[in-house]
Amino acid sequence: MFTTQKSSEAMQAGLQGSLSSIEIAGAVIAQADTTVTPAKVKNITIHIKTAVGKAAP
């Protein structure tokens, strides 16, 4: 039982360390397809980064 409990605690500690929140880190860019009428968005690029010091939800 002791080994199982320690393994579970180690796994939980590892999961807590790997969780993080993200935030937008720059521009949000939409590229249009102008070959059709009306023009439509064909690609959206969002630059993100991990948010330092924020708890995961």
C-alpha atoms as a PDB file:
ATOM      1  CA  MET A   1       0.000   0.000   0.000  1.00  0.00           C
ATOM      2  CA  PHE A   2       2.817   2.419   0.857  1.00  0.00           C
ATOM      3  CA  THR A   3       4.472   2.032  -2.573  1.00  0.00           C
ATOM      4  CA  THR A   4       1.160   2.577  -4.363  1.00  0.00           C
ATOM      5  CA  GLN A   5       0.462   5.719  -2.320  1.00  0.00           C
ATOM      6  CA  LYS A   6       3.935   7.139  -3.015  1.00  0.00           C
ATOM      7  CA  SER A   7       3.572   6.380  -6.722  1.00  0.00           C
ATOM      8  CA  SER A   8       0.223   8.159  -6.795  1.00  0.00           C
ATOM      9  CA  GLU A   9       1.672  11.194  -4.989  1.00  0.00           C
ATOM     10  CA  ALA A  10       4.584  11.362  -7.415  1.00  0.00           C
ATOM     11  CA  MET A  11       2.236  11.150 -10.389  1.00  0.00           C
ATOM     12  CA  GLN A  12       0.000  13.920  -9.004  1.00  0.00           C
ATOM     13  CA  ALA A  13       3.038  16.156  -8.358  1.00  0.00           C
ATOM     14  CA  GLY A  14       4.193  15.611 -11.945  1.00  0.00           C
ATOM     15  CA  LEU A  15       0.773  16.488 -13.325  1.00  0.00           C
ATOM     16  CA  GLN A  16       0.582  19.664 -11.266  1.00  0.00           C
ATOM     17  CA  GLY A  17       3.980  20.712 -12.578  1.00  0.00           C
ATOM     18  CA  SER A  18       2.979  20.128 -16.186  1.00  0.00           C
ATOM     19  CA  LEU A  19      -0.262  22.129 -16.103  1.00  0.00           C
ATOM     20  CA  SER A  20      -0.115  25.776 -17.135  1.00  0.00           C
ATOM     21  CA  SER A  21      -2.293  28.444 -18.633  1.00  0.00           C
ATOM     22  CA  ILE A  22      -1.682  30.085 -21.979  1.00  0.00           C
ATOM     23  CA  GLU A  23      -2.084  33.636 -23.190  1.00  0.00           C
ATOM     24  CA  ILE A  24      -1.943  35.447 -26.515  1.00  0.00           C
ATOM     25  CA  ALA A  25       1.635  36.529 -27.267  1.00  0.00           C
ATOM     26  CA  GLY A  26       1.265  38.828 -30.234  1.00  0.00           C
ATOM     27  CA  ALA A  27      -0.929  39.451 -33.193  1.00  0.00           C
ATOM     28  CA  VAL A  28      -3.942  37.429 -34.245  1.00  0.00           C
ATOM     29  CA  ILE A  29      -3.736  37.229 -38.037  1.00  0.00           C
ATOM     30  CA  ALA A  30      -6.562  36.284 -40.406  1.00  0.00           C
ATOM     31  CA  GLN A  31      -5.749  35.552 -44.047  1.00  0.00           C
ATOM     32  CA  ALA A  32      -8.482  35.872 -46.651  1.00  0.00           C
ATOM     33  CA  ASP A  33      -9.247  33.872 -49.750  1.00  0.00           C
ATOM     34  CA  THR A  34     -10.090  36.615 -52.232  1.00  0.00           C
ATOM     35  CA  THR A  35     -10.570  34.226 -55.148  1.00  0.00           C
ATOM     36  CA  VAL A  36     -14.190  33.697 -54.101  1.00  0.00           C
ATOM     37  CA  THR A  37     -17.018  36.185 -53.727  1.00  0.00           C
ATOM     38  CA  PRO A  38     -17.610  37.127 -51.019  1.00  0.00           C
ATOM     39  CA  ALA A  39     -14.048  36.758 -49.665  1.00  0.00           C
ATOM     40  CA  LYS A  40     -13.698  34.220 -46.858  1.00  0.00           C
ATOM     41  CA  VAL A  41     -11.183  33.707 -44.068  1.00  0.00           C
ATOM     42  CA  LYS A  42      -8.983  30.741 -44.985  1.00  0.00           C
ATOM     43  CA  ASN A  43      -6.428  30.783 -42.162  1.00  0.00           C
ATOM     44  CA  ILE A  44      -6.155  32.228 -38.658  1.00  0.00           C
ATOM     45  CA  THR A  45      -2.808  32.385 -36.856  1.00  0.00           C
ATOM     46  CA  ILE A  46      -2.710  32.988 -33.091  1.00  0.00           C
ATOM     47  CA  HIS A  47       0.660  33.302 -31.359  1.00  0.00           C
ATOM     48  CA  ILE A  48       0.498  31.932 -27.804  1.00  0.00           C
ATOM     49  CA  LYS A  49       2.829  31.399 -24.859  1.00  0.00           C
ATOM     50  CA  THR A  50       2.587  29.858 -21.435  1.00  0.00           C
ATOM     51  CA  ALA A  51       1.421  32.296 -18.805  1.00  0.00           C
ATOM     52  CA  VAL A  52       4.012  32.578 -16.056  1.00  0.00           C
ATOM     53  CA  GLY A  53       2.655  32.526 -12.517  1.00  0.00           C
ATOM     54  CA  LYS A  54      -0.926  31.668 -13.398  1.00  0.00           C
ATOM     55  CA  ALA A  55      -2.685  28.655 -11.985  1.00  0.00           C
ATOM     56  CA  ALA A  56      -4.333  26.238 -14.333  1.00  0.00           C
ATOM     57  CA  PRO A  57      -8.146  26.337 -14.370  1.00  0.00           C
END
